[in-house]
N, C-alpha and C. Protein backbone atom coordinates (compact mmCIF):
# COMPACT_ATOMS: atom_id res chain seq x y z
N ALA A 1 0.85 -1.21 0.00
CA ALA A 1 0.00 0.00 0.00
C ALA A 1 0.88 1.25 0.00
N SER A 2 2.00 1.18 0.72
CA SER A 2 2.89 2.35 0.80
C SER A 2 3.50 2.63 -0.57
N ILE A 3 3.95 1.58 -1.24
CA ILE A 3 4.59 1.75 -2.55
C ILE A 3 3.58 2.34 -3.54
N HIS A 4 2.35 1.86 -3.46
CA HIS A 4 1.32 2.33 -4.39
C HIS A 4 1.07 3.82 -4.18
N ALA A 5 1.00 4.23 -2.94
CA ALA A 5 0.73 5.65 -2.64
C ALA A 5 1.94 6.49 -3.02
N GLY A 6 3.13 5.97 -2.76
CA GLY A 6 4.35 6.72 -3.10
C GLY A 6 4.43 6.99 -4.59
N ARG A 7 3.94 6.05 -5.40
CA ARG A 7 4.01 6.23 -6.86
C ARG A 7 3.05 7.36 -7.27
N HIS A 8 1.95 7.46 -6.59
CA HIS A 8 0.96 8.50 -6.94
C HIS A 8 1.42 9.86 -6.41
N ILE A 9 1.78 9.89 -5.15
CA ILE A 9 2.20 11.15 -4.52
C ILE A 9 3.72 11.16 -4.35
N PRO A 10 4.34 12.32 -4.30
CA PRO A 10 5.79 12.43 -4.13
C PRO A 10 6.27 11.77 -2.84
N ALA A 11 7.52 11.44 -2.78
CA ALA A 11 8.07 10.74 -1.60
C ALA A 11 7.90 11.62 -0.36
N GLY A 12 8.21 12.91 -0.50
CA GLY A 12 8.09 13.83 0.65
C GLY A 12 6.67 13.84 1.19
N ARG A 13 5.73 13.87 0.30
CA ARG A 13 4.30 13.97 0.73
C ARG A 13 3.88 12.60 1.29
N PHE A 14 4.29 11.56 0.65
CA PHE A 14 3.89 10.22 1.09
C PHE A 14 4.58 9.86 2.40
N ASN A 15 5.70 10.51 2.68
CA ASN A 15 6.44 10.22 3.90
C ASN A 15 5.77 10.90 5.10
N LYS A 16 5.12 12.03 4.85
CA LYS A 16 4.48 12.78 5.94
C LYS A 16 3.18 12.10 6.39
N PRO A 17 2.27 11.82 5.50
CA PRO A 17 1.00 11.22 5.87
C PRO A 17 1.14 9.75 6.26
N ALA A 18 2.32 9.17 5.99
CA ALA A 18 2.51 7.75 6.31
C ALA A 18 3.67 7.57 7.29
N PRO A 19 3.67 8.34 8.38
CA PRO A 19 4.75 8.23 9.38
C PRO A 19 4.66 6.93 10.16
N PHE A 20 3.47 6.39 10.26
CA PHE A 20 3.26 5.13 10.99
C PHE A 20 3.99 4.00 10.30
N THR A 21 4.23 4.14 8.99
CA THR A 21 4.93 3.09 8.25
C THR A 21 6.44 3.33 8.27
N ALA A 22 6.85 4.57 8.00
CA ALA A 22 8.28 4.88 7.97
C ALA A 22 8.79 5.10 9.40
N GLY A 23 7.97 5.72 10.23
CA GLY A 23 8.37 5.98 11.61
C GLY A 23 8.59 4.67 12.37
N ARG A 24 7.85 3.66 12.01
CA ARG A 24 7.96 2.38 12.72
C ARG A 24 9.34 1.77 12.43
N SER A 25 9.79 1.87 11.19
CA SER A 25 11.09 1.29 10.82
C SER A 25 12.21 2.27 11.18
N VAL A 26 11.99 3.55 10.86
CA VAL A 26 13.02 4.57 11.15
C VAL A 26 12.34 5.79 11.75
N PRO A 27 12.92 6.33 12.81
CA PRO A 27 12.35 7.51 13.48
C PRO A 27 12.45 8.75 12.61
N THR A 28 11.42 9.01 11.80
CA THR A 28 11.46 10.17 10.89
C THR A 28 11.00 11.41 11.64
N GLY A 29 9.86 11.31 12.32
CA GLY A 29 9.29 12.47 13.00
C GLY A 29 9.59 12.40 14.47
C-alpha cells in the first residue's frame, strides 16, 4: 500500500501522511 501511494504522490508527501509506516522502521518524526 505504501509503494502504491508513493508512486501517486511524491516521496516527501507520502512520507508525511505515512509516518506510521516509515516511523515504525526509522524515526522520521
